[in-house]
Amino acid sequence: MDYENQFALVGEATDGIVAVGRFYRDPKHPDRAEVAFTIADALQGQGIGTSLLERLASKGITTFEADVLPANQEMLEVFVNSGFEMSQRVERGRRPRRSVAFAAVPA
């Protein structure tokens, strides 16, 4: 992680790391980045993903992209409720997934 183009935040509890949110900035479009989250099963649905996304967005990224498995409705809800404009496309194949792009809503 270089803290500018590759950045990660971790969430810790008494038993160790329980959440990670990270982005990888697009070198050709520095306001765009791929984003990914990992949150311990027992802590999902408690706003941790939303909080991580808000903090990552404060690093100058206006458009995020993510691949989400269709069964992961909770993560899709984080994106839907983020306040960003969202577009999706479903990719079919051996492991179907949704590619999600979401951008900051102009003020």
PDB file of N, CA and C in Angstrom:
ATOM      1  N   MET A   1       0.834  -1.169   0.000  1.00  0.00           N
ATOM      2  CA  MET A   1       0.000   0.000   0.000  1.00  0.00           C
ATOM      3  C   MET A   1       0.887   1.243   0.000  1.00  0.00           C
ATOM      4  N   ASP A   2       0.578   2.154  -0.904  1.00  0.00           N
ATOM      5  CA  ASP A   2       1.336   3.403  -0.932  1.00  0.00           C
ATOM      6  C   ASP A   2       0.540   4.582  -0.356  1.00  0.00           C
ATOM      7  N   TYR A   3      -0.667   4.331   0.112  1.00  0.00           N
ATOM      8  CA  TYR A   3      -1.541   5.303   0.772  1.00  0.00           C
ATOM      9  C   TYR A   3      -2.074   6.394  -0.159  1.00  0.00           C
ATOM     10  N   GLU A   4      -1.729   6.324  -1.437  1.00  0.00           N
ATOM     11  CA  GLU A   4      -2.255   7.280  -2.411  1.00  0.00           C
ATOM     12  C   GLU A   4      -2.995   6.538  -3.528  1.00  0.00           C
ATOM     13  N   ASN A   5      -2.324   5.605  -4.171  1.00  0.00           N
ATOM     14  CA  ASN A   5      -2.920   4.854  -5.271  1.00  0.00           C
ATOM     15  C   ASN A   5      -3.447   3.495  -4.832  1.00  0.00           C
ATOM     16  N   GLN A   6      -2.915   2.991  -3.758  1.00  0.00           N
ATOM     17  CA  GLN A   6      -3.392   1.759  -3.126  1.00  0.00           C
ATOM     18  C   GLN A   6      -3.563   2.089  -1.651  1.00  0.00           C
ATOM     19  N   PHE A   7      -4.776   1.903  -1.175  1.00  0.00           N
ATOM     20  CA  PHE A   7      -5.064   2.335   0.186  1.00  0.00           C
ATOM     21  C   PHE A   7      -5.969   1.317   0.853  1.00  0.00           C
ATOM     22  N   ALA A   8      -5.739   1.063   2.131  1.00  0.00           N
ATOM     23  CA  ALA A   8      -6.576   0.121   2.876  1.00  0.00           C
ATOM     24  C   ALA A   8      -6.849   0.648   4.272  1.00  0.00           C
ATOM     25  N   LEU A   9      -8.042   0.349   4.750  1.00  0.00           N
ATOM     26  CA  LEU A   9      -8.431   0.621   6.128  1.00  0.00           C
ATOM     27  C   LEU A   9      -8.789  -0.707   6.768  1.00  0.00           C
ATOM     28  N   VAL A  10      -8.452  -0.861   8.037  1.00  0.00           N
ATOM     29  CA  VAL A  10      -8.823  -2.082   8.747  1.00  0.00           C
ATOM     30  C   VAL A  10      -9.675  -1.729   9.954  1.00  0.00           C
ATOM     31  N   GLY A  11     -10.555  -2.651  10.294  1.00  0.00           N
ATOM     32  CA  GLY A  11     -11.347  -2.546  11.513  1.00  0.00           C
ATOM     33  C   GLY A  11     -10.877  -3.619  12.465  1.00  0.00           C
ATOM     34  N   GLU A  12     -10.604  -3.242  13.696  1.00  0.00           N
ATOM     35  CA  GLU A  12     -10.110  -4.189  14.683  1.00  0.00           C
ATOM     36  C   GLU A  12     -11.086  -4.333  15.841  1.00  0.00           C
ATOM     37  N   ALA A  13     -11.103  -5.515  16.404  1.00  0.00           N
ATOM     38  CA  ALA A  13     -11.828  -5.802  17.633  1.00  0.00           C
ATOM     39  C   ALA A  13     -10.839  -6.498  18.567  1.00  0.00           C
ATOM     40  N   THR A  14     -11.293  -6.865  19.731  1.00  0.00           N
ATOM     41  CA  THR A  14     -10.383  -7.495  20.698  1.00  0.00           C
ATOM     42  C   THR A  14      -9.745  -8.772  20.164  1.00  0.00           C
ATOM     43  N   ASP A  15     -10.429  -9.448  19.238  1.00  0.00           N
ATOM     44  CA  ASP A  15      -9.877 -10.702  18.711  1.00  0.00           C
ATOM     45  C   ASP A  15      -9.144 -10.515  17.387  1.00  0.00           C
ATOM     46  N   GLY A  16      -8.832  -9.272  16.987  1.00  0.00           N
ATOM     47  CA  GLY A  16      -8.028  -9.029  15.792  1.00  0.00           C
ATOM     48  C   GLY A  16      -8.769  -8.240  14.729  1.00  0.00           C
ATOM     49  N   ILE A  17      -8.264  -8.321  13.504  1.00  0.00           N
ATOM     50  CA  ILE A  17      -8.860  -7.597  12.384  1.00  0.00           C
ATOM     51  C   ILE A  17     -10.179  -8.248  12.002  1.00  0.00           C
ATOM     52  N   VAL A  18     -11.240  -7.437  11.896  1.00  0.00           N
ATOM     53  CA  VAL A  18     -12.573  -7.956  11.578  1.00  0.00           C
ATOM     54  C   VAL A  18     -13.135  -7.368  10.292  1.00  0.00           C
ATOM     55  N   ALA A  19     -12.462  -6.359   9.720  1.00  0.00           N
ATOM     56  CA  ALA A  19     -12.945  -5.745   8.483  1.00  0.00           C
ATOM     57  C   ALA A  19     -11.789  -5.087   7.745  1.00  0.00           C
ATOM     58  N   VAL A  20     -11.880  -5.123   6.418  1.00  0.00           N
ATOM     59  CA  VAL A  20     -10.899  -4.451   5.569  1.00  0.00           C
ATOM     60  C   VAL A  20     -11.645  -3.805   4.410  1.00  0.00           C
ATOM     61  N   GLY A  21     -11.337  -2.575   4.125  1.00  0.00           N
ATOM     62  CA  GLY A  21     -11.817  -1.883   2.931  1.00  0.00           C
ATOM     63  C   GLY A  21     -10.604  -1.343   2.217  1.00  0.00           C
ATOM     64  N   ARG A  22     -10.534  -1.553   0.897  1.00  0.00           N
ATOM     65  CA  ARG A  22      -9.360  -1.089   0.170  1.00  0.00           C
ATOM     66  C   ARG A  22      -9.738  -0.606  -1.208  1.00  0.00           C
ATOM     67  N   PHE A  23      -8.885   0.254  -1.773  1.00  0.00           N
ATOM     68  CA  PHE A  23      -9.073   0.632  -3.163  1.00  0.00           C
ATOM     69  C   PHE A  23      -7.746   0.608  -3.889  1.00  0.00           C
ATOM     70  N   TYR A  24      -7.867   0.459  -5.210  1.00  0.00           N
ATOM     71  CA  TYR A  24      -6.745   0.514  -6.137  1.00  0.00           C
ATOM     72  C   TYR A  24      -7.099   1.549  -7.194  1.00  0.00           C
ATOM     73  N   ARG A  25      -6.418   2.687  -7.164  1.00  0.00           N
ATOM     74  CA  ARG A  25      -6.714   3.794  -8.071  1.00  0.00           C
ATOM     75  C   ARG A  25      -6.326   3.421  -9.507  1.00  0.00           C
ATOM     76  N   ASP A  26      -7.150   3.848 -10.467  1.00  0.00           N
ATOM     77  CA  ASP A  26      -6.868   3.652 -11.886  1.00  0.00           C
ATOM     78  C   ASP A  26      -5.778   4.644 -12.283  1.00  0.00           C
ATOM     79  N   PRO A  27      -4.603   4.163 -12.740  1.00  0.00           N
ATOM     80  CA  PRO A  27      -3.511   5.097 -13.049  1.00  0.00           C
ATOM     81  C   PRO A  27      -3.846   6.067 -14.183  1.00  0.00           C
ATOM     82  N   LYS A  28      -4.745   5.676 -15.087  1.00  0.00           N
ATOM     83  CA  LYS A  28      -5.111   6.558 -16.196  1.00  0.00           C
ATOM     84  C   LYS A  28      -6.204   7.551 -15.817  1.00  0.00           C
ATOM     85  N   HIS A  29      -6.959   7.237 -14.775  1.00  0.00           N
ATOM     86  CA  HIS A  29      -8.059   8.081 -14.302  1.00  0.00           C
ATOM     87  C   HIS A  29      -7.982   8.135 -12.776  1.00  0.00           C
ATOM     88  N   PRO A  30      -7.172   9.032 -12.211  1.00  0.00           N
ATOM     89  CA  PRO A  30      -6.914   9.024 -10.768  1.00  0.00           C
ATOM     90  C   PRO A  30      -8.128   9.286  -9.877  1.00  0.00           C
ATOM     91  N   ASP A  31      -9.259   9.706 -10.469  1.00  0.00           N
ATOM     92  CA  ASP A  31     -10.467   9.893  -9.659  1.00  0.00           C
ATOM     93  C   ASP A  31     -11.318   8.629  -9.628  1.00  0.00           C
ATOM     94  N   ARG A  32     -10.835   7.548 -10.257  1.00  0.00           N
ATOM     95  CA  ARG A  32     -11.552   6.267 -10.296  1.00  0.00           C
ATOM     96  C   ARG A  32     -10.713   5.198  -9.588  1.00  0.00           C
ATOM     97  N   ALA A  33     -11.408   4.246  -8.952  1.00  0.00           N
ATOM     98  CA  ALA A  33     -10.689   3.172  -8.268  1.00  0.00           C
ATOM     99  C   ALA A  33     -11.570   1.936  -8.145  1.00  0.00           C
ATOM    100  N   GLU A  34     -10.926   0.782  -8.128  1.00  0.00           N
ATOM    101  CA  GLU A  34     -11.611  -0.464  -7.799  1.00  0.00           C
ATOM    102  C   GLU A  34     -11.631  -0.563  -6.281  1.00  0.00           C
ATOM    103  N   VAL A  35     -12.765  -0.984  -5.727  1.00  0.00           N
ATOM    104  CA  VAL A  35     -12.912  -1.050  -4.277  1.00  0.00           C
ATOM    105  C   VAL A  35     -13.329  -2.459  -3.875  1.00  0.00           C
ATOM    106  N   ALA A  36     -12.892  -2.886  -2.707  1.00  0.00           N
ATOM    107  CA  ALA A  36     -13.254  -4.214  -2.198  1.00  0.00           C
ATOM    108  C   ALA A  36     -13.361  -4.157  -0.675  1.00  0.00           C
ATOM    109  N   PHE A  37     -14.232  -4.996  -0.147  1.00  0.00           N
ATOM    110  CA  PHE A  37     -14.465  -5.058   1.290  1.00  0.00           C
ATOM    111  C   PHE A  37     -14.479  -6.499   1.755  1.00  0.00           C
ATOM    112  N   THR A  38     -14.003  -6.707   2.968  1.00  0.00           N
ATOM    113  CA  THR A  38     -14.124  -7.978   3.664  1.00  0.00           C
ATOM    114  C   THR A  38     -14.539  -7.651   5.084  1.00  0.00           C
ATOM    115  N   ILE A  39     -15.649  -8.255   5.515  1.00  0.00           N
ATOM    116  CA  ILE A  39     -16.162  -7.988   6.864  1.00  0.00           C
ATOM    117  C   ILE A  39     -16.513  -9.322   7.504  1.00  0.00           C
ATOM    118  N   ALA A  40     -16.090  -9.516   8.733  1.00  0.00           N
ATOM    119  CA  ALA A  40     -16.378 -10.764   9.442  1.00  0.00           C
ATOM    120  C   ALA A  40     -17.881 -11.054   9.410  1.00  0.00           C
ATOM    121  N   ASP A  41     -18.229 -12.302   9.180  1.00  0.00           N
ATOM    122  CA  ASP A  41     -19.636 -12.696   9.061  1.00  0.00           C
ATOM    123  C   ASP A  41     -20.487 -12.199  10.222  1.00  0.00           C
ATOM    124  N   ALA A  42     -19.995 -12.331  11.431  1.00  0.00           N
ATOM    125  CA  ALA A  42     -20.775 -11.965  12.613  1.00  0.00           C
ATOM    126  C   ALA A  42     -21.046 -10.460  12.707  1.00  0.00           C
ATOM    127  N   LEU A  43     -20.291  -9.648  11.964  1.00  0.00           N
ATOM    128  CA  LEU A  43     -20.434  -8.194  12.049  1.00  0.00           C
ATOM    129  C   LEU A  43     -21.084  -7.576  10.816  1.00  0.00           C
ATOM    130  N   GLN A  44     -21.460  -8.394   9.858  1.00  0.00           N
ATOM    131  CA  GLN A  44     -22.095  -7.861   8.652  1.00  0.00           C
ATOM    132  C   GLN A  44     -23.476  -7.307   8.984  1.00  0.00           C
ATOM    133  N   GLY A  45     -23.879  -6.283   8.225  1.00  0.00           N
ATOM    134  CA  GLY A  45     -25.181  -5.672   8.434  1.00  0.00           C
ATOM    135  C   GLY A  45     -25.215  -4.644   9.547  1.00  0.00           C
ATOM    136  N   GLN A  46     -24.050  -4.240  10.053  1.00  0.00           N
ATOM    137  CA  GLN A  46     -23.993  -3.280  11.154  1.00  0.00           C
ATOM    138  C   GLN A  46     -23.417  -1.927  10.737  1.00  0.00           C
ATOM    139  N   GLY A  47     -23.313  -1.685   9.439  1.00  0.00           N
ATOM    140  CA  GLY A  47     -22.844  -0.399   8.948  1.00  0.00           C
ATOM    141  C   GLY A  47     -21.351  -0.266   8.778  1.00  0.00           C
ATOM    142  N   ILE A  48     -20.614  -1.324   8.982  1.00  0.00           N
ATOM    143  CA  ILE A  48     -19.155  -1.247   8.868  1.00  0.00           C
ATOM    144  C   ILE A  48     -18.738  -0.994   7.419  1.00  0.00           C
ATOM    145  N   GLY A  49     -19.349  -1.703   6.470  1.00  0.00           N
ATOM    146  CA  GLY A  49     -19.037  -1.492   5.054  1.00  0.00           C
ATOM    147  C   GLY A  49     -19.335  -0.068   4.623  1.00  0.00           C
ATOM    148  N   THR A  50     -20.449   0.469   5.066  1.00  0.00           N
ATOM    149  CA  THR A  50     -20.819   1.844   4.745  1.00  0.00           C
ATOM    150  C   THR A  50     -19.800   2.822   5.310  1.00  0.00           C
ATOM    151  N   SER A  51     -19.391   2.618   6.533  1.00  0.00           N
ATOM    152  CA  SER A  51     -18.403   3.490   7.163  1.00  0.00           C
ATOM    153  C   SER A  51     -17.063   3.429   6.432  1.00  0.00           C
ATOM    154  N   LEU A  52     -16.638   2.227   6.063  1.00  0.00           N
ATOM    155  CA  LEU A  52     -15.383   2.090   5.322  1.00  0.00           C
ATOM    156  C   LEU A  52     -15.481   2.798   3.972  1.00  0.00           C
ATOM    157  N   LEU A  53     -16.600   2.633   3.275  1.00  0.00           N
ATOM    158  CA  LEU A  53     -16.789   3.279   1.978  1.00  0.00           C
ATOM    159  C   LEU A  53     -16.718   4.801   2.114  1.00  0.00           C
ATOM    160  N   GLU A  54     -17.365   5.355   3.119  1.00  0.00           N
ATOM    161  CA  GLU A  54     -17.329   6.804   3.330  1.00  0.00           C
ATOM    162  C   GLU A  54     -15.899   7.292   3.544  1.00  0.00           C
ATOM    163  N   ARG A  55     -15.138   6.565   4.313  1.00  0.00           N
ATOM    164  CA  ARG A  55     -13.759   6.974   4.580  1.00  0.00           C
ATOM    165  C   ARG A  55     -12.886   6.849   3.335  1.00  0.00           C
ATOM    166  N   LEU A  56     -13.094   5.782   2.554  1.00  0.00           N
ATOM    167  CA  LEU A  56     -12.331   5.621   1.320  1.00  0.00           C
ATOM    168  C   LEU A  56     -12.674   6.731   0.330  1.00  0.00           C
ATOM    169  N   ALA A  57     -13.934   7.125   0.271  1.00  0.00           N
ATOM    170  CA  ALA A  57     -14.356   8.181  -0.654  1.00  0.00           C
ATOM    171  C   ALA A  57     -13.718   9.518  -0.299  1.00  0.00           C
ATOM    172  N   SER A  58     -13.319   9.698   0.937  1.00  0.00           N
ATOM    173  CA  SER A  58     -12.708  10.962   1.346  1.00  0.00           C
ATOM    174  C   SER A  58     -11.285  11.115   0.801  1.00  0.00           C
ATOM    175  N   LYS A  59     -10.782  10.114   0.106  1.00  0.00           N
ATOM    176  CA  LYS A  59      -9.425  10.151  -0.426  1.00  0.00           C
ATOM    177  C   LYS A  59      -9.380  10.672  -1.870  1.00  0.00           C
ATOM    178  N   GLY A  60     -10.447  11.353  -2.325  1.00  0.00           N
ATOM    179  CA  GLY A  60     -10.442  11.973  -3.640  1.00  0.00           C
ATOM    180  C   GLY A  60     -10.953  11.097  -4.762  1.00  0.00           C
ATOM    181  N   ILE A  61     -11.566   9.981  -4.440  1.00  0.00           N
ATOM    182  CA  ILE A  61     -12.139   9.099  -5.458  1.00  0.00           C
ATOM    183  C   ILE A  61     -13.578   9.541  -5.697  1.00  0.00           C
ATOM    184  N   THR A  62     -13.941   9.756  -6.965  1.00  0.00           N
ATOM    185  CA  THR A  62     -15.321  10.125  -7.278  1.00  0.00           C
ATOM    186  C   THR A  62     -16.098   8.984  -7.912  1.00  0.00           C
ATOM    187  N   THR A  63     -15.384   7.980  -8.444  1.00  0.00           N
ATOM    188  CA  THR A  63     -16.048   6.817  -9.044  1.00  0.00           C
ATOM    189  C   THR A  63     -15.366   5.549  -8.568  1.00  0.00           C
ATOM    190  N   PHE A  64     -16.149   4.667  -7.979  1.00  0.00           N
ATOM    191  CA  PHE A  64     -15.664   3.359  -7.552  1.00  0.00           C
ATOM    192  C   PHE A  64     -16.233   2.283  -8.461  1.00  0.00           C
ATOM    193  N   GLU A  65     -15.500   1.207  -8.614  1.00  0.00           N
ATOM    194  CA  GLU A  65     -15.983   0.025  -9.320  1.00  0.00           C
ATOM    195  C   GLU A  65     -15.759  -1.182  -8.430  1.00  0.00           C
ATOM    196  N   ALA A  66     -16.689  -2.128  -8.501  1.00  0.00           N
ATOM    197  CA  ALA A  66     -16.577  -3.346  -7.691  1.00  0.00           C
ATOM    198  C   ALA A  66     -17.250  -4.488  -8.414  1.00  0.00           C
ATOM    199  N   ASP A  67     -16.758  -5.695  -8.212  1.00  0.00           N
ATOM    200  CA  ASP A  67     -17.418  -6.919  -8.665  1.00  0.00           C
ATOM    201  C   ASP A  67     -18.038  -7.561  -7.445  1.00  0.00           C
ATOM    202  N   VAL A  68     -19.329  -7.875  -7.537  1.00  0.00           N
ATOM    203  CA  VAL A  68     -20.068  -8.412  -6.399  1.00  0.00           C
ATOM    204  C   VAL A  68     -20.813  -9.659  -6.848  1.00  0.00           C
ATOM    205  N   LEU A  69     -20.698 -10.729  -6.078  1.00  0.00           N
ATOM    206  CA  LEU A  69     -21.470 -11.932  -6.394  1.00  0.00           C
ATOM    207  C   LEU A  69     -22.951 -11.618  -6.233  1.00  0.00           C
ATOM    208  N   PRO A  70     -23.815 -12.118  -7.137  1.00  0.00           N
ATOM    209  CA  PRO A  70     -25.247 -11.808  -7.064  1.00  0.00           C
ATOM    210  C   PRO A  70     -25.882 -12.159  -5.721  1.00  0.00           C
ATOM    211  N   ALA A  71     -25.388 -13.172  -5.047  1.00  0.00           N
ATOM    212  CA  ALA A  71     -25.962 -13.583  -3.765  1.00  0.00           C
ATOM    213  C   ALA A  71     -25.602 -12.623  -2.633  1.00  0.00           C
ATOM    214  N   ASN A  72     -24.651 -11.738  -2.860  1.00  0.00           N
ATOM    215  CA  ASN A  72     -24.195 -10.825  -1.809  1.00  0.00           C
ATOM    216  C   ASN A  72     -25.046  -9.555  -1.807  1.00  0.00           C
ATOM    217  N   GLN A  73     -26.309  -9.713  -1.485  1.00  0.00           N
ATOM    218  CA  GLN A  73     -27.248  -8.595  -1.479  1.00  0.00           C
ATOM    219  C   GLN A  73     -26.876  -7.524  -0.452  1.00  0.00           C
ATOM    220  N   GLU A  74     -26.279  -7.929   0.650  1.00  0.00           N
ATOM    221  CA  GLU A  74     -25.899  -6.959   1.676  1.00  0.00           C
ATOM    222  C   GLU A  74     -24.891  -5.946   1.136  1.00  0.00           C
ATOM    223  N   MET A  75     -23.907  -6.425   0.358  1.00  0.00           N
ATOM    224  CA  MET A  75     -22.908  -5.509  -0.192  1.00  0.00           C
ATOM    225  C   MET A  75     -23.532  -4.626  -1.259  1.00  0.00           C
ATOM    226  N   LEU A  76     -24.424  -5.180  -2.060  1.00  0.00           N
ATOM    227  CA  LEU A  76     -25.125  -4.363  -3.049  1.00  0.00           C
ATOM    228  C   LEU A  76     -25.930  -3.258  -2.359  1.00  0.00           C
ATOM    229  N   GLU A  77     -26.523  -3.566  -1.203  1.00  0.00           N
ATOM    230  CA  GLU A  77     -27.283  -2.565  -0.455  1.00  0.00           C
ATOM    231  C   GLU A  77     -26.373  -1.437   0.047  1.00  0.00           C
ATOM    232  N   VAL A  78     -25.156  -1.776   0.443  1.00  0.00           N
ATOM    233  CA  VAL A  78     -24.212  -0.740   0.858  1.00  0.00           C
ATOM    234  C   VAL A  78     -24.013   0.245  -0.284  1.00  0.00           C
ATOM    235  N   PHE A  79     -23.831  -0.274  -1.492  1.00  0.00           N
ATOM    236  CA  PHE A  79     -23.623   0.597  -2.644  1.00  0.00           C
ATOM    237  C   PHE A  79     -24.884   1.393  -2.976  1.00  0.00           C
ATOM    238  N   VAL A  80     -26.036   0.740  -2.940  1.00  0.00           N
ATOM    239  CA  VAL A  80     -27.301   1.407  -3.250  1.00  0.00           C
ATOM    240  C   VAL A  80     -27.548   2.554  -2.273  1.00  0.00           C
ATOM    241  N   ASN A  81     -27.257   2.341  -1.005  1.00  0.00           N
ATOM    242  CA  ASN A  81     -27.532   3.340   0.036  1.00  0.00           C
ATOM    243  C   ASN A  81     -26.394   4.333   0.260  1.00  0.00           C
ATOM    244  N   SER A  82     -25.367   4.282  -0.574  1.00  0.00           N
ATOM    245  CA  SER A  82     -24.169   5.096  -0.352  1.00  0.00           C
ATOM    246  C   SER A  82     -24.335   6.569  -0.698  1.00  0.00           C
ATOM    247  N   GLY A  83     -25.369   6.915  -1.470  1.00  0.00           N
ATOM    248  CA  GLY A  83     -25.495   8.285  -1.943  1.00  0.00           C
ATOM    249  C   GLY A  83     -24.804   8.507  -3.275  1.00  0.00           C
ATOM    250  N   PHE A  84     -24.140   7.488  -3.775  1.00  0.00           N
ATOM    251  CA  PHE A  84     -23.514   7.551  -5.088  1.00  0.00           C
ATOM    252  C   PHE A  84     -24.535   7.113  -6.142  1.00  0.00           C
ATOM    253  N   GLU A  85     -24.414   7.655  -7.364  1.00  0.00           N
ATOM    254  CA  GLU A  85     -25.186   7.129  -8.481  1.00  0.00           C
ATOM    255  C   GLU A  85     -24.579   5.778  -8.838  1.00  0.00           C
ATOM    256  N   MET A  86     -25.420   4.795  -9.121  1.00  0.00           N
ATOM    257  CA  MET A  86     -24.918   3.447  -9.345  1.00  0.00           C
ATOM    258  C   MET A  86     -25.411   2.903 -10.671  1.00  0.00           C
ATOM    259  N   SER A  87     -24.540   2.194 -11.369  1.00  0.00           N
ATOM    260  CA  SER A  87     -24.941   1.445 -12.553  1.00  0.00           C
ATOM    261  C   SER A  87     -24.403   0.027 -12.385  1.00  0.00           C
ATOM    262  N   GLN A  88     -25.100  -0.928 -12.977  1.00  0.00           N
ATOM    263  CA  GLN A  88     -24.716  -2.338 -12.819  1.00  0.00           C
ATOM    264  C   GLN A  88     -24.788  -3.050 -14.152  1.00  0.00           C
ATOM    265  N   ARG A  89     -24.002  -4.093 -14.269  1.00  0.00           N
ATOM    266  CA  ARG A  89     -24.167  -5.040 -15.361  1.00  0.00           C
ATOM    267  C   ARG A  89     -23.892  -6.418 -14.791  1.00  0.00           C
ATOM    268  N   VAL A  90     -24.642  -7.382 -15.270  1.00  0.00           N
ATOM    269  CA  VAL A  90     -24.494  -8.755 -14.792  1.00  0.00           C
ATOM    270  C   VAL A  90     -23.631  -9.505 -15.791  1.00  0.00           C
ATOM    271  N   GLU A  91     -22.590 -10.133 -15.284  1.00  0.00           N
ATOM    272  CA  GLU A  91     -21.709 -10.948 -16.121  1.00  0.00           C
ATOM    273  C   GLU A  91     -22.039 -12.408 -15.877  1.00  0.00           C
ATOM    274  N   ARG A  92     -22.302 -13.101 -16.935  1.00  0.00           N
ATOM    275  CA  ARG A  92     -22.601 -14.525 -16.838  1.00  0.00           C
ATOM    276  C   ARG A  92     -21.333 -15.310 -17.147  1.00  0.00           C
ATOM    277  N   GLY A  93     -21.228 -16.457 -16.579  1.00  0.00           N
ATOM    278  CA  GLY A  93     -20.047 -17.279 -16.800  1.00  0.00           C
ATOM    279  C   GLY A  93     -19.976 -18.348 -15.737  1.00  0.00           C
ATOM    280  N   ARG A  94     -18.783 -18.848 -15.523  1.00  0.00           N
ATOM    281  CA  ARG A  94     -18.617 -19.895 -14.509  1.00  0.00           C
ATOM    282  C   ARG A  94     -19.014 -19.394 -13.138  1.00  0.00           C
ATOM    283  N   ARG A  95     -18.700 -18.147 -12.848  1.00  0.00           N
ATOM    284  CA  ARG A  95     -19.064 -17.531 -11.566  1.00  0.00           C
ATOM    285  C   ARG A  95     -19.778 -16.226 -11.850  1.00  0.00           C
ATOM    286  N   PRO A  96     -21.094 -16.268 -11.988  1.00  0.00           N
ATOM    287  CA  PRO A  96     -21.785 -15.020 -12.303  1.00  0.00           C
ATOM    288  C   PRO A  96     -21.546 -13.962 -11.234  1.00  0.00           C
ATOM    289  N   ARG A  97     -21.461 -12.708 -11.662  1.00  0.00           N
ATOM    290  CA  ARG A  97     -21.271 -11.617 -10.720  1.00  0.00           C
ATOM    291  C   ARG A  97     -21.815 -10.340 -11.327  1.00  0.00           C
ATOM    292  N   ARG A  98     -21.978  -9.352 -10.480  1.00  0.00           N
ATOM    293  CA  ARG A  98     -22.396  -8.034 -10.939  1.00  0.00           C
ATOM    294  C   ARG A  98     -21.191  -7.120 -10.892  1.00  0.00           C
ATOM    295  N   SER A  99     -21.001  -6.399 -11.960  1.00  0.00           N
ATOM    296  CA  SER A  99     -20.008  -5.329 -11.950  1.00  0.00           C
ATOM    297  C   SER A  99     -20.750  -4.059 -11.630  1.00  0.00           C
ATOM    298  N   VAL A 100     -20.331  -3.399 -10.613  1.00  0.00           N
ATOM    299  CA  VAL A 100     -21.025  -2.214 -10.121  1.00  0.00           C
ATOM    300  C   VAL A 100     -20.088  -1.024 -10.271  1.00  0.00           C
ATOM    301  N   ALA A 101     -20.588   0.058 -10.842  1.00  0.00           N
ATOM    302  CA  ALA A 101     -19.842   1.314 -10.871  1.00  0.00           C
ATOM    303  C   ALA A 101     -20.707   2.339 -10.148  1.00  0.00           C
ATOM    304  N   PHE A 102     -20.129   3.102  -9.281  1.00  0.00           N
ATOM    305  CA  PHE A 102     -20.901   4.121  -8.607  1.00  0.00           C
ATOM    306  C   PHE A 102     -20.059   5.376  -8.488  1.00  0.00           C
ATOM    307  N   ALA A 103     -20.714   6.511  -8.731  1.00  0.00           N
ATOM    308  CA  ALA A 103     -20.024   7.797  -8.801  1.00  0.00           C
ATOM    309  C   ALA A 103     -20.690   8.792  -7.870  1.00  0.00           C
ATOM    310  N   ALA A 104     -19.902   9.722  -7.401  1.00  0.00           N
ATOM    311  CA  ALA A 104     -20.422  10.769  -6.536  1.00  0.00           C
ATOM    312  C   ALA A 104     -21.490  11.565  -7.278  1.00  0.00           C
ATOM    313  N   VAL A 105     -22.572  11.848  -6.614  1.00  0.00           N
ATOM    314  CA  VAL A 105     -23.654  12.643  -7.194  1.00  0.00           C
ATOM    315  C   VAL A 105     -23.204  14.098  -7.182  1.00  0.00           C
ATOM    316  N   PRO A 106     -23.258  14.773  -8.349  1.00  0.00           N
ATOM    317  CA  PRO A 106     -22.827  16.182  -8.374  1.00  0.00           C
ATOM    318  C   PRO A 106     -23.658  17.024  -7.407  1.00  0.00           C
ATOM    319  N   ALA A 107     -23.003  17.966  -6.747  1.00  0.00           N
ATOM    320  CA  ALA A 107     -23.685  18.832  -5.768  1.00  0.00           C
ATOM    321  C   ALA A 107     -24.428  19.958  -6.459  1.00  0.00           C
TER     322      ALA A 107
END
